[in-house]
Amino acid sequence: AVLEKGWLGSGNIGRNTTIIRSNYMLPGNNPFYEWSMKLWENLE
């Protein structure tokens, strides 16, 4: 179950500026955000 106190997507997911990128430098961040970019590329 997913519990949402408002309506679906009423928080930050519906309030941001829509940017996606993976231009990070540090080892802890770079592989993670690049994996996110690869998931974005096939998400639809």
PDB file of all heavy atoms in Angstrom:
ATOM      1  N   ALA A   1       0.839  -1.196   0.000  1.00  0.00           N
ATOM      2  CA  ALA A   1       0.000   0.000   0.000  1.00  0.00           C
ATOM      3  C   ALA A   1       0.872   1.243   0.000  1.00  0.00           C
ATOM      4  O   ALA A   1       1.932   1.278   0.645  1.00  0.00           O
ATOM      5  CB  ALA A   1      -0.921   0.020   1.213  1.00  0.00           C
ATOM      6  N   VAL A   2       0.435   2.268  -0.723  1.00  0.00           N
ATOM      7  CA  VAL A   2       1.044   3.593  -0.682  1.00  0.00           C
ATOM      8  C   VAL A   2       0.047   4.532  -0.031  1.00  0.00           C
ATOM      9  O   VAL A   2      -1.095   4.656  -0.499  1.00  0.00           O
ATOM     10  CB  VAL A   2       1.404   4.103  -2.094  1.00  0.00           C
ATOM     11  CG1 VAL A   2       1.976   5.509  -2.023  1.00  0.00           C
ATOM     12  CG2 VAL A   2       2.383   3.158  -2.769  1.00  0.00           C
ATOM     13  N   LEU A   3       0.452   5.189   1.060  1.00  0.00           N
ATOM     14  CA  LEU A   3      -0.440   6.085   1.795  1.00  0.00           C
ATOM     15  C   LEU A   3      -0.053   7.531   1.494  1.00  0.00           C
ATOM     16  O   LEU A   3       1.095   7.940   1.697  1.00  0.00           O
ATOM     17  CB  LEU A   3      -0.345   5.827   3.299  1.00  0.00           C
ATOM     18  CG  LEU A   3      -0.519   4.375   3.776  1.00  0.00           C
ATOM     19  CD1 LEU A   3      -0.486   4.319   5.298  1.00  0.00           C
ATOM     20  CD2 LEU A   3      -1.811   3.770   3.245  1.00  0.00           C
ATOM     21  N   GLU A   4      -1.005   8.306   1.020  1.00  0.00           N
ATOM     22  CA  GLU A   4      -0.778   9.710   0.684  1.00  0.00           C
ATOM     23  C   GLU A   4      -1.787  10.574   1.438  1.00  0.00           C
ATOM     24  O   GLU A   4      -2.993  10.362   1.332  1.00  0.00           O
ATOM     25  CB  GLU A   4      -0.912   9.929  -0.822  1.00  0.00           C
ATOM     26  CG  GLU A   4      -0.976  11.375  -1.270  1.00  0.00           C
ATOM     27  CD  GLU A   4       0.195  12.205  -0.781  1.00  0.00           C
ATOM     28  OE1 GLU A   4       1.353  11.741  -0.888  1.00  0.00           O
ATOM     29  OE2 GLU A   4      -0.049  13.326  -0.284  1.00  0.00           O
ATOM     30  N   LYS A   5      -1.293  11.555   2.190  1.00  0.00           N
ATOM     31  CA  LYS A   5      -2.208  12.349   3.023  1.00  0.00           C
ATOM     32  C   LYS A   5      -3.061  13.307   2.197  1.00  0.00           C
ATOM     33  O   LYS A   5      -4.148  13.695   2.616  1.00  0.00           O
ATOM     34  CB  LYS A   5      -1.419  13.127   4.077  1.00  0.00           C
ATOM     35  CG  LYS A   5      -0.568  14.264   3.545  1.00  0.00           C
ATOM     36  CD  LYS A   5       0.064  15.033   4.694  1.00  0.00           C
ATOM     37  CE  LYS A   5       0.895  16.208   4.194  1.00  0.00           C
ATOM     38  NZ  LYS A   5       1.487  16.978   5.303  1.00  0.00           N
ATOM     39  N   GLY A   6      -2.580  13.696   1.011  1.00  0.00           N
ATOM     40  CA  GLY A   6      -3.362  14.550   0.133  1.00  0.00           C
ATOM     41  C   GLY A   6      -3.842  13.764  -1.061  1.00  0.00           C
ATOM     42  O   GLY A   6      -4.333  12.654  -0.941  1.00  0.00           O
ATOM     43  N   TRP A   7      -3.707  14.373  -2.235  1.00  0.00           N
ATOM     44  CA  TRP A   7      -3.993  13.637  -3.460  1.00  0.00           C
ATOM     45  C   TRP A   7      -2.681  13.231  -4.103  1.00  0.00           C
ATOM     46  O   TRP A   7      -1.621  13.796  -3.824  1.00  0.00           O
ATOM     47  CB  TRP A   7      -4.855  14.459  -4.410  1.00  0.00           C
ATOM     48  CG  TRP A   7      -4.196  15.700  -4.943  1.00  0.00           C
ATOM     49  CD1 TRP A   7      -3.461  15.816  -6.084  1.00  0.00           C
ATOM     50  CD2 TRP A   7      -4.184  17.007  -4.348  1.00  0.00           C
ATOM     51  NE1 TRP A   7      -3.004  17.100  -6.252  1.00  0.00           N
ATOM     52  CE2 TRP A   7      -3.438  17.853  -5.192  1.00  0.00           C
ATOM     53  CE3 TRP A   7      -4.743  17.540  -3.172  1.00  0.00           C
ATOM     54  CZ2 TRP A   7      -3.226  19.194  -4.905  1.00  0.00           C
ATOM     55  CZ3 TRP A   7      -4.525  18.882  -2.886  1.00  0.00           C
ATOM     56  CH2 TRP A   7      -3.787  19.684  -3.748  1.00  0.00           C
ATOM     57  N   LEU A   8      -2.758  12.277  -4.973  1.00  0.00           N
ATOM     58  CA  LEU A   8      -1.560  11.696  -5.568  1.00  0.00           C
ATOM     59  C   LEU A   8      -0.747  12.755  -6.328  1.00  0.00           C
ATOM     60  O   LEU A   8      -1.284  13.463  -7.185  1.00  0.00           O
ATOM     61  CB  LEU A   8      -1.982  10.570  -6.516  1.00  0.00           C
ATOM     62  CG  LEU A   8      -0.911   9.649  -7.067  1.00  0.00           C
ATOM     63  CD1 LEU A   8      -1.485   8.271  -7.266  1.00  0.00           C
ATOM     64  CD2 LEU A   8      -0.402  10.191  -8.382  1.00  0.00           C
ATOM     65  N   GLY A   9       0.522  12.879  -5.992  1.00  0.00           N
ATOM     66  CA  GLY A   9       1.380  13.844  -6.656  1.00  0.00           C
ATOM     67  C   GLY A   9       1.191  15.270  -6.195  1.00  0.00           C
ATOM     68  O   GLY A   9       1.580  16.206  -6.895  1.00  0.00           O
ATOM     69  N   SER A  10       0.610  15.481  -5.018  1.00  0.00           N
ATOM     70  CA  SER A  10       0.333  16.840  -4.546  1.00  0.00           C
ATOM     71  C   SER A  10       1.524  17.479  -3.852  1.00  0.00           C
ATOM     72  O   SER A  10       1.474  18.656  -3.498  1.00  0.00           O
ATOM     73  CB  SER A  10      -0.860  16.830  -3.585  1.00  0.00           C
ATOM     74  OG  SER A  10      -0.605  15.986  -2.466  1.00  0.00           O
ATOM     75  N   GLY A  11       2.593  16.729  -3.658  1.00  0.00           N
ATOM     76  CA  GLY A  11       3.771  17.272  -2.987  1.00  0.00           C
ATOM     77  C   GLY A  11       4.806  17.776  -3.970  1.00  0.00           C
ATOM     78  O   GLY A  11       4.488  18.375  -5.002  1.00  0.00           O
ATOM     79  N   ASN A  12       6.075  17.490  -3.685  1.00  0.00           N
ATOM     80  CA  ASN A  12       7.164  18.044  -4.486  1.00  0.00           C
ATOM     81  C   ASN A  12       7.189  17.534  -5.920  1.00  0.00           C
ATOM     82  O   ASN A  12       7.689  18.222  -6.818  1.00  0.00           O
ATOM     83  CB  ASN A  12       8.512  17.741  -3.818  1.00  0.00           C
ATOM     84  CG  ASN A  12       8.698  18.508  -2.520  1.00  0.00           C
ATOM     85  OD1 ASN A  12       7.908  19.399  -2.211  1.00  0.00           O
ATOM     86  ND2 ASN A  12       9.721  18.165  -1.767  1.00  0.00           N
ATOM     87  N   ILE A  13       6.665  16.333  -6.172  1.00  0.00           N
ATOM     88  CA  ILE A  13       6.691  15.795  -7.535  1.00  0.00           C
ATOM     89  C   ILE A  13       5.890  16.692  -8.483  1.00  0.00           C
ATOM     90  O   ILE A  13       6.191  16.770  -9.679  1.00  0.00           O
ATOM     91  CB  ILE A  13       6.151  14.344  -7.575  1.00  0.00           C
ATOM     92  CG1 ILE A  13       6.359  13.702  -8.952  1.00  0.00           C
ATOM     93  CG2 ILE A  13       4.684  14.301  -7.187  1.00  0.00           C
ATOM     94  CD1 ILE A  13       7.778  13.453  -9.321  1.00  0.00           C
ATOM     95  N   GLY A  14       4.894  17.398  -7.968  1.00  0.00           N
ATOM     96  CA  GLY A  14       4.114  18.306  -8.801  1.00  0.00           C
ATOM     97  C   GLY A  14       4.525  19.754  -8.660  1.00  0.00           C
ATOM     98  O   GLY A  14       3.850  20.644  -9.172  1.00  0.00           O
ATOM     99  N   ARG A  15       5.680  20.015  -8.003  1.00  0.00           N
ATOM    100  CA  ARG A  15       6.067  21.387  -7.692  1.00  0.00           C
ATOM    101  C   ARG A  15       7.497  21.725  -8.108  1.00  0.00           C
ATOM    102  O   ARG A  15       8.017  22.769  -7.750  1.00  0.00           O
ATOM    103  CB  ARG A  15       5.929  21.630  -6.176  1.00  0.00           C
ATOM    104  CG  ARG A  15       4.512  21.515  -5.681  1.00  0.00           C
ATOM    105  CD  ARG A  15       4.430  21.474  -4.161  1.00  0.00           C
ATOM    106  NE  ARG A  15       3.037  21.405  -3.741  1.00  0.00           N
ATOM    107  CZ  ARG A  15       2.280  22.458  -3.464  1.00  0.00           C
ATOM    108  NH1 ARG A  15       2.791  23.670  -3.561  1.00  0.00           N
ATOM    109  NH2 ARG A  15       1.028  22.314  -3.100  1.00  0.00           N
ATOM    110  N   ASN A  16       8.136  20.864  -8.866  1.00  0.00           N
ATOM    111  CA  ASN A  16       9.543  21.109  -9.184  1.00  0.00           C
ATOM    112  C   ASN A  16       9.691  21.695 -10.579  1.00  0.00           C
ATOM    113  O   ASN A  16       8.713  21.966 -11.277  1.00  0.00           O
ATOM    114  CB  ASN A  16      10.355  19.814  -9.053  1.00  0.00           C
ATOM    115  CG  ASN A  16       9.875  18.752 -10.010  1.00  0.00           C
ATOM    116  OD1 ASN A  16      10.152  18.808 -11.192  1.00  0.00           O
ATOM    117  ND2 ASN A  16       9.112  17.783  -9.509  1.00  0.00           N
ATOM    118  N   THR A  17      10.941  21.874 -11.009  1.00  0.00           N
ATOM    119  CA  THR A  17      11.214  22.525 -12.297  1.00  0.00           C
ATOM    120  C   THR A  17      11.633  21.527 -13.376  1.00  0.00           C
ATOM    121  O   THR A  17      12.271  21.905 -14.360  1.00  0.00           O
ATOM    122  CB  THR A  17      12.290  23.611 -12.133  1.00  0.00           C
ATOM    123  OG1 THR A  17      13.372  23.116 -11.361  1.00  0.00           O
ATOM    124  CG2 THR A  17      11.708  24.823 -11.442  1.00  0.00           C
ATOM    125  N   THR A  18      11.316  20.269 -13.200  1.00  0.00           N
ATOM    126  CA  THR A  18      11.281  19.225 -14.249  1.00  0.00           C
ATOM    127  C   THR A  18      12.639  18.798 -14.797  1.00  0.00           C
ATOM    128  O   THR A  18      12.693  18.041 -15.754  1.00  0.00           O
ATOM    129  CB  THR A  18      10.403  19.672 -15.455  1.00  0.00           C
ATOM    130  OG1 THR A  18      11.091  20.625 -16.257  1.00  0.00           O
ATOM    131  CG2 THR A  18       9.074  20.251 -14.993  1.00  0.00           C
ATOM    132  N   ILE A  19      13.754  19.220 -14.208  1.00  0.00           N
ATOM    133  CA  ILE A  19      15.070  18.969 -14.805  1.00  0.00           C
ATOM    134  C   ILE A  19      15.586  17.585 -14.417  1.00  0.00           C
ATOM    135  O   ILE A  19      15.479  17.164 -13.262  1.00  0.00           O
ATOM    136  CB  ILE A  19      16.085  20.043 -14.368  1.00  0.00           C
ATOM    137  CG1 ILE A  19      15.615  21.427 -14.817  1.00  0.00           C
ATOM    138  CG2 ILE A  19      17.480  19.753 -14.914  1.00  0.00           C
ATOM    139  CD1 ILE A  19      16.396  22.570 -14.197  1.00  0.00           C
ATOM    140  N   ILE A  20      16.173  16.876 -15.396  1.00  0.00           N
ATOM    141  CA  ILE A  20      16.875  15.616 -15.128  1.00  0.00           C
ATOM    142  C   ILE A  20      18.309  15.737 -15.631  1.00  0.00           C
ATOM    143  O   ILE A  20      18.564  16.345 -16.674  1.00  0.00           O
ATOM    144  CB  ILE A  20      16.173  14.407 -15.778  1.00  0.00           C
ATOM    145  CG1 ILE A  20      16.119  14.535 -17.300  1.00  0.00           C
ATOM    146  CG2 ILE A  20      14.777  14.235 -15.205  1.00  0.00           C
ATOM    147  CD1 ILE A  20      15.654  13.283 -18.021  1.00  0.00           C
ATOM    148  N   ARG A  21      19.244  15.178 -14.896  1.00  0.00           N
ATOM    149  CA  ARG A  21      20.659  15.224 -15.275  1.00  0.00           C
ATOM    150  C   ARG A  21      21.417  14.210 -14.431  1.00  0.00           C
ATOM    151  O   ARG A  21      20.913  13.726 -13.411  1.00  0.00           O
ATOM    152  CB  ARG A  21      21.247  16.626 -15.062  1.00  0.00           C
ATOM    153  CG  ARG A  21      21.124  17.142 -13.636  1.00  0.00           C
ATOM    154  CD  ARG A  21      21.653  18.570 -13.490  1.00  0.00           C
ATOM    155  NE  ARG A  21      21.423  19.098 -12.150  1.00  0.00           N
ATOM    156  CZ  ARG A  21      22.237  18.937 -11.109  1.00  0.00           C
ATOM    157  NH1 ARG A  21      23.358  18.226 -11.247  1.00  0.00           N
ATOM    158  NH2 ARG A  21      21.971  19.454  -9.928  1.00  0.00           N
ATOM    159  N   SER A  22      22.648  13.916 -14.839  1.00  0.00           N
ATOM    160  CA  SER A  22      23.505  13.036 -14.038  1.00  0.00           C
ATOM    161  C   SER A  22      24.931  13.575 -14.031  1.00  0.00           C
ATOM    162  O   SER A  22      25.889  12.804 -14.056  1.00  0.00           O
ATOM    163  CB  SER A  22      23.477  11.600 -14.576  1.00  0.00           C
ATOM    164  OG  SER A  22      23.914  11.544 -15.924  1.00  0.00           O
ATOM    165  N   ASN A  23      25.078  14.897 -13.990  1.00  0.00           N
ATOM    166  CA  ASN A  23      26.404  15.519 -14.068  1.00  0.00           C
ATOM    167  C   ASN A  23      26.992  15.735 -12.679  1.00  0.00           C
ATOM    168  O   ASN A  23      27.321  16.859 -12.282  1.00  0.00           O
ATOM    169  CB  ASN A  23      26.334  16.836 -14.853  1.00  0.00           C
ATOM    170  CG  ASN A  23      25.300  17.799 -14.314  1.00  0.00           C
ATOM    171  OD1 ASN A  23      24.509  17.438 -13.444  1.00  0.00           O
ATOM    172  ND2 ASN A  23      25.299  19.019 -14.825  1.00  0.00           N
ATOM    173  N   TYR A  24      27.151  14.648 -11.955  1.00  0.00           N
ATOM    174  CA  TYR A  24      27.743  14.686 -10.622  1.00  0.00           C
ATOM    175  C   TYR A  24      29.197  14.213 -10.677  1.00  0.00           C
ATOM    176  O   TYR A  24      29.599  13.516 -11.610  1.00  0.00           O
ATOM    177  CB  TYR A  24      26.940  13.818  -9.656  1.00  0.00           C
ATOM    178  CG  TYR A  24      25.624  14.447  -9.235  1.00  0.00           C
ATOM    179  CD1 TYR A  24      24.524  14.431 -10.087  1.00  0.00           C
ATOM    180  CD2 TYR A  24      25.483  15.074  -8.009  1.00  0.00           C
ATOM    181  CE1 TYR A  24      23.323  15.019  -9.722  1.00  0.00           C
ATOM    182  CE2 TYR A  24      24.283  15.662  -7.627  1.00  0.00           C
ATOM    183  CZ  TYR A  24      23.213  15.635  -8.490  1.00  0.00           C
ATOM    184  OH  TYR A  24      22.025  16.218  -8.128  1.00  0.00           O
ATOM    185  N   MET A  25      29.968  14.570  -9.641  1.00  0.00           N
ATOM    186  CA  MET A  25      31.398  14.293  -9.660  1.00  0.00           C
ATOM    187  C   MET A  25      31.815  13.189  -8.684  1.00  0.00           C
ATOM    188  O   MET A  25      32.658  12.356  -9.017  1.00  0.00           O
ATOM    189  CB  MET A  25      32.180  15.572  -9.333  1.00  0.00           C
ATOM    190  CG  MET A  25      33.693  15.404  -9.410  1.00  0.00           C
ATOM    191  SD  MET A  25      34.604  16.948  -9.191  1.00  0.00           S
ATOM    192  CE  MET A  25      34.349  17.248  -7.446  1.00  0.00           C
ATOM    193  N   LEU A  26      31.243  13.169  -7.490  1.00  0.00           N
ATOM    194  CA  LEU A  26      31.745  12.276  -6.446  1.00  0.00           C
ATOM    195  C   LEU A  26      31.315  10.828  -6.669  1.00  0.00           C
ATOM    196  O   LEU A  26      30.233  10.562  -7.216  1.00  0.00           O
ATOM    197  CB  LEU A  26      31.264  12.755  -5.078  1.00  0.00           C
ATOM    198  CG  LEU A  26      31.781  14.137  -4.649  1.00  0.00           C
ATOM    199  CD1 LEU A  26      31.289  14.484  -3.256  1.00  0.00           C
ATOM    200  CD2 LEU A  26      33.307  14.188  -4.688  1.00  0.00           C
ATOM    201  N   PRO A  27      32.147   9.882  -6.260  1.00  0.00           N
ATOM    202  CA  PRO A  27      31.862   8.454  -6.504  1.00  0.00           C
ATOM    203  C   PRO A  27      30.531   7.978  -5.926  1.00  0.00           C
ATOM    204  O   PRO A  27      29.868   7.121  -6.500  1.00  0.00           O
ATOM    205  CB  PRO A  27      33.043   7.747  -5.826  1.00  0.00           C
ATOM    206  CG  PRO A  27      34.137   8.753  -5.795  1.00  0.00           C
ATOM    207  CD  PRO A  27      33.477  10.079  -5.631  1.00  0.00           C
ATOM    208  N   GLY A  28      30.113   8.516  -4.788  1.00  0.00           N
ATOM    209  CA  GLY A  28      28.845   8.090  -4.206  1.00  0.00           C
ATOM    210  C   GLY A  28      27.638   8.534  -4.999  1.00  0.00           C
ATOM    211  O   GLY A  28      26.595   7.875  -4.986  1.00  0.00           O
ATOM    212  N   ASN A  29      27.775   9.674  -5.694  1.00  0.00           N
ATOM    213  CA  ASN A  29      26.647  10.246  -6.432  1.00  0.00           C
ATOM    214  C   ASN A  29      26.596   9.837  -7.899  1.00  0.00           C
ATOM    215  O   ASN A  29      25.534   9.542  -8.441  1.00  0.00           O
ATOM    216  CB  ASN A  29      26.692  11.779  -6.363  1.00  0.00           C
ATOM    217  CG  ASN A  29      26.193  12.328  -5.040  1.00  0.00           C
ATOM    218  OD1 ASN A  29      25.327  11.736  -4.410  1.00  0.00           O
ATOM    219  ND2 ASN A  29      26.742  13.448  -4.612  1.00  0.00           N
ATOM    220  N   ASN A  30      27.756   9.842  -8.557  1.00  0.00           N
ATOM    221  CA  ASN A  30      27.785   9.708 -10.010  1.00  0.00           C
ATOM    222  C   ASN A  30      27.132   8.424 -10.526  1.00  0.00           C
ATOM    223  O   ASN A  30      26.251   8.486 -11.395  1.00  0.00           O
ATOM    224  CB  ASN A  30      29.233   9.821 -10.507  1.00  0.00           C
ATOM    225  CG  ASN A  30      29.310  10.105 -11.992  1.00  0.00           C
ATOM    226  OD1 ASN A  30      28.725   9.403 -12.793  1.00  0.00           O
ATOM    227  ND2 ASN A  30      30.044  11.145 -12.359  1.00  0.00           N
ATOM    228  N   PRO A  31      27.497   7.248 -10.030  1.00  0.00           N
ATOM    229  CA  PRO A  31      26.855   6.020 -10.548  1.00  0.00           C
ATOM    230  C   PRO A  31      25.365   5.977 -10.273  1.00  0.00           C
ATOM    231  O   PRO A  31      24.591   5.489 -11.110  1.00  0.00           O
ATOM    232  CB  PRO A  31      27.599   4.899  -9.812  1.00  0.00           C
ATOM    233  CG  PRO A  31      28.872   5.505  -9.341  1.00  0.00           C
ATOM    234  CD  PRO A  31      28.551   6.928  -9.053  1.00  0.00           C
ATOM    235  N   PHE A  32      24.953   6.504  -9.125  1.00  0.00           N
ATOM    236  CA  PHE A  32      23.529   6.491  -8.769  1.00  0.00           C
ATOM    237  C   PHE A  32      22.717   7.340  -9.731  1.00  0.00           C
ATOM    238  O   PHE A  32      21.694   6.897 -10.283  1.00  0.00           O
ATOM    239  CB  PHE A  32      23.353   6.999  -7.337  1.00  0.00           C
ATOM    240  CG  PHE A  32      21.913   7.144  -6.917  1.00  0.00           C
ATOM    241  CD1 PHE A  32      21.211   6.056  -6.419  1.00  0.00           C
ATOM    242  CD2 PHE A  32      21.262   8.366  -7.028  1.00  0.00           C
ATOM    243  CE1 PHE A  32      19.880   6.186  -6.040  1.00  0.00           C
ATOM    244  CE2 PHE A  32      19.934   8.504  -6.656  1.00  0.00           C
ATOM    245  CZ  PHE A  32      19.249   7.412  -6.166  1.00  0.00           C
ATOM    246  N   TYR A  33      23.138   8.576  -9.971  1.00  0.00           N
ATOM    247  CA  TYR A  33      22.378   9.466 -10.842  1.00  0.00           C
ATOM    248  C   TYR A  33      22.472   9.041 -12.307  1.00  0.00           C
ATOM    249  O   TYR A  33      21.549   9.293 -13.090  1.00  0.00           O
ATOM    250  CB  TYR A  33      22.837  10.913 -10.651  1.00  0.00           C
ATOM    251  CG  TYR A  33      22.275  11.538  -9.399  1.00  0.00           C
ATOM    252  CD1 TYR A  33      23.007  11.571  -8.212  1.00  0.00           C
ATOM    253  CD2 TYR A  33      20.997  12.077  -9.386  1.00  0.00           C
ATOM    254  CE1 TYR A  33      22.492  12.125  -7.064  1.00  0.00           C
ATOM    255  CE2 TYR A  33      20.465  12.635  -8.239  1.00  0.00           C
ATOM    256  CZ  TYR A  33      21.216  12.662  -7.079  1.00  0.00           C
ATOM    257  OH  TYR A  33      20.684  13.209  -5.927  1.00  0.00           O
ATOM    258  N   GLU A  34      23.562   8.396 -12.694  1.00  0.00           N
ATOM    259  CA  GLU A  34      23.644   7.885 -14.059  1.00  0.00           C
ATOM    260  C   GLU A  34      22.678   6.715 -14.249  1.00  0.00           C
ATOM    261  O   GLU A  34      22.067   6.573 -15.323  1.00  0.00           O
ATOM    262  CB  GLU A  34      25.074   7.453 -14.380  1.00  0.00           C
ATOM    263  CG  GLU A  34      25.264   6.815 -15.747  1.00  0.00           C
ATOM    264  CD  GLU A  34      24.860   7.697 -16.921  1.00  0.00           C
ATOM    265  OE1 GLU A  34      24.655   8.918 -16.724  1.00  0.00           O
ATOM    266  OE2 GLU A  34      24.735   7.172 -18.042  1.00  0.00           O
ATOM    267  N   TRP A  35      22.520   5.891 -13.220  1.00  0.00           N
ATOM    268  CA  TRP A  35      21.529   4.814 -13.303  1.00  0.00           C
ATOM    269  C   TRP A  35      20.123   5.409 -13.411  1.00  0.00           C
ATOM    270  O   TRP A  35      19.278   4.909 -14.163  1.00  0.00           O
ATOM    271  CB  TRP A  35      21.631   3.906 -12.079  1.00  0.00           C
ATOM    272  CG  TRP A  35      20.589   2.830 -12.007  1.00  0.00           C
ATOM    273  CD1 TRP A  35      19.691   2.618 -11.007  1.00  0.00           C
ATOM    274  CD2 TRP A  35      20.329   1.803 -12.973  1.00  0.00           C
ATOM    275  NE1 TRP A  35      18.887   1.545 -11.285  1.00  0.00           N
ATOM    276  CE2 TRP A  35      19.261   1.017 -12.497  1.00  0.00           C
ATOM    277  CE3 TRP A  35      20.902   1.479 -14.197  1.00  0.00           C
ATOM    278  CZ2 TRP A  35      18.747  -0.072 -13.194  1.00  0.00           C
ATOM    279  CZ3 TRP A  35      20.393   0.395 -14.902  1.00  0.00           C
ATOM    280  CH2 TRP A  35      19.335  -0.363 -14.404  1.00  0.00           C
ATOM    281  N   SER A  36      19.897   6.498 -12.699  1.00  0.00           N
ATOM    282  CA  SER A  36      18.616   7.175 -12.807  1.00  0.00           C
ATOM    283  C   SER A  36      18.389   7.685 -14.227  1.00  0.00           C
ATOM    284  O   SER A  36      17.295   7.547 -14.786  1.00  0.00           O
ATOM    285  CB  SER A  36      18.548   8.346 -11.813  1.00  0.00           C
ATOM    286  OG  SER A  36      17.228   8.844 -11.696  1.00  0.00           O
ATOM    287  N   MET A  37      19.431   8.247 -14.841  1.00  0.00           N
ATOM    288  CA  MET A  37      19.310   8.739 -16.216  1.00  0.00           C
ATOM    289  C   MET A  37      18.983   7.604 -17.183  1.00  0.00           C
ATOM    290  O   MET A  37      18.154   7.750 -18.099  1.00  0.00           O
ATOM    291  CB  MET A  37      20.600   9.443 -16.637  1.00  0.00           C
ATOM    292  CG  MET A  37      20.577  10.020 -18.046  1.00  0.00           C
ATOM    293  SD  MET A  37      19.311  11.289 -18.270  1.00  0.00           S
ATOM    294  CE  MET A  37      20.007  12.619 -17.302  1.00  0.00           C
ATOM    295  N   LYS A  38      19.606   6.452 -16.983  1.00  0.00           N
ATOM    296  CA  LYS A  38      19.328   5.305 -17.856  1.00  0.00           C
ATOM    297  C   LYS A  38      17.889   4.822 -17.686  1.00  0.00           C
ATOM    298  O   LYS A  38      17.246   4.412 -18.659  1.00  0.00           O
ATOM    299  CB  LYS A  38      20.321   4.180 -17.562  1.00  0.00           C
ATOM    300  CG  LYS A  38      21.740   4.495 -18.026  1.00  0.00           C
ATOM    301  CD  LYS A  38      22.715   3.391 -17.658  1.00  0.00           C
ATOM    302  CE  LYS A  38      24.117   3.733 -18.161  1.00  0.00           C
ATOM    303  NZ  LYS A  38      25.109   2.708 -17.763  1.00  0.00           N
ATOM    304  N   LEU A  39      17.382   4.878 -16.457  1.00  0.00           N
ATOM    305  CA  LEU A  39      15.984   4.515 -16.241  1.00  0.00           C
ATOM    306  C   LEU A  39      15.045   5.540 -16.875  1.00  0.00           C
ATOM    307  O   LEU A  39      14.009   5.175 -17.443  1.00  0.00           O
ATOM    308  CB  LEU A  39      15.690   4.388 -14.744  1.00  0.00           C
ATOM    309  CG  LEU A  39      16.335   3.206 -14.023  1.00  0.00           C
ATOM    310  CD1 LEU A  39      16.106   3.305 -12.517  1.00  0.00           C
ATOM    311  CD2 LEU A  39      15.788   1.876 -14.539  1.00  0.00           C
ATOM    312  N   TRP A  40      15.408   6.816 -16.809  1.00  0.00           N
ATOM    313  CA  TRP A  40      14.599   7.850 -17.466  1.00  0.00           C
ATOM    314  C   TRP A  40      14.483   7.576 -18.966  1.00  0.00           C
ATOM    315  O   TRP A  40      13.409   7.766 -19.560  1.00  0.00           O
ATOM    316  CB  TRP A  40      15.222   9.234 -17.270  1.00  0.00           C
ATOM    317  CG  TRP A  40      14.997   9.914 -15.960  1.00  0.00           C
ATOM    318  CD1 TRP A  40      15.951  10.327 -15.073  1.00  0.00           C
ATOM    319  CD2 TRP A  40      13.740  10.317 -15.383  1.00  0.00           C
ATOM    320  NE1 TRP A  40      15.377  10.934 -13.983  1.00  0.00           N
ATOM    321  CE2 TRP A  40      14.019  10.945 -14.155  1.00  0.00           C
ATOM    322  CE3 TRP A  40      12.411  10.182 -15.792  1.00  0.00           C
ATOM    323  CZ2 TRP A  40      13.022  11.447 -13.333  1.00  0.00           C
ATOM    324  CZ3 TRP A  40      11.406  10.694 -14.969  1.00  0.00           C
ATOM    325  CH2 TRP A  40      11.719  11.321 -13.764  1.00  0.00           C
ATOM    326  N   GLU A  41      15.576   7.152 -19.564  1.00  0.00           N
ATOM    327  CA  GLU A  41      15.613   7.014 -21.017  1.00  0.00           C
ATOM    328  C   GLU A  41      14.641   5.959 -21.538  1.00  0.00           C
ATOM    329  O   GLU A  41      14.213   6.019 -22.684  1.00  0.00           O
ATOM    330  CB  GLU A  41      17.046   6.701 -21.464  1.00  0.00           C
ATOM    331  CG  GLU A  41      17.982   7.900 -21.320  1.00  0.00           C
ATOM    332  CD  GLU A  41      19.435   7.569 -21.609  1.00  0.00           C
ATOM    333  OE1 GLU A  41      19.862   6.442 -21.310  1.00  0.00           O
ATOM    334  OE2 GLU A  41      20.152   8.449 -22.121  1.00  0.00           O
ATOM    335  N   ASN A  42      14.263   5.011 -20.699  1.00  0.00           N
ATOM    336  CA  ASN A  42      13.338   3.958 -21.128  1.00  0.00           C
ATOM    337  C   ASN A  42      12.049   3.952 -20.314  1.00  0.00           C
ATOM    338  O   ASN A  42      11.259   3.013 -20.403  1.00  0.00           O
ATOM    339  CB  ASN A  42      14.023   2.589 -21.017  1.00  0.00           C
ATOM    340  CG  ASN A  42      13.260   1.493 -21.715  1.00  0.00           C
ATOM    341  OD1 ASN A  42      12.842   1.649 -22.868  1.00  0.00           O
ATOM    342  ND2 ASN A  42      13.038   0.375 -21.031  1.00  0.00           N
ATOM    343  N   LEU A  43      11.838   5.022 -19.545  1.00  0.00           N
ATOM    344  CA  LEU A  43      10.754   5.004 -18.568  1.00  0.00           C
ATOM    345  C   LEU A  43       9.373   4.942 -19.214  1.00  0.00           C
ATOM    346  O   LEU A  43       8.497   4.183 -18.777  1.00  0.00           O
ATOM    347  CB  LEU A  43      10.847   6.243 -17.662  1.00  0.00           C
ATOM    348  CG  LEU A  43       9.847   6.283 -16.510  1.00  0.00           C
ATOM    349  CD1 LEU A  43      10.087   5.119 -15.555  1.00  0.00           C
ATOM    350  CD2 LEU A  43       9.959   7.608 -15.760  1.00  0.00           C
ATOM    351  N   GLU A  44       9.161   5.732 -20.266  1.00  0.00           N
ATOM    352  CA  GLU A  44       7.823   5.791 -20.872  1.00  0.00           C
ATOM    353  C   GLU A  44       7.396   4.438 -21.434  1.00  0.00           C
ATOM    354  O   GLU A  44       6.236   4.033 -21.297  1.00  0.00           O
ATOM    355  CB  GLU A  44       7.804   6.856 -21.961  1.00  0.00           C
ATOM    356  CG  GLU A  44       7.964   8.272 -21.410  1.00  0.00           C
ATOM    357  CD  GLU A  44       8.158   9.291 -22.514  1.00  0.00           C
ATOM    358  OE1 GLU A  44       9.074   9.100 -23.337  1.00  0.00           O
ATOM    359  OE2 GLU A  44       7.402  10.271 -22.559  1.00  0.00           O
TER     360      GLU A  44
END
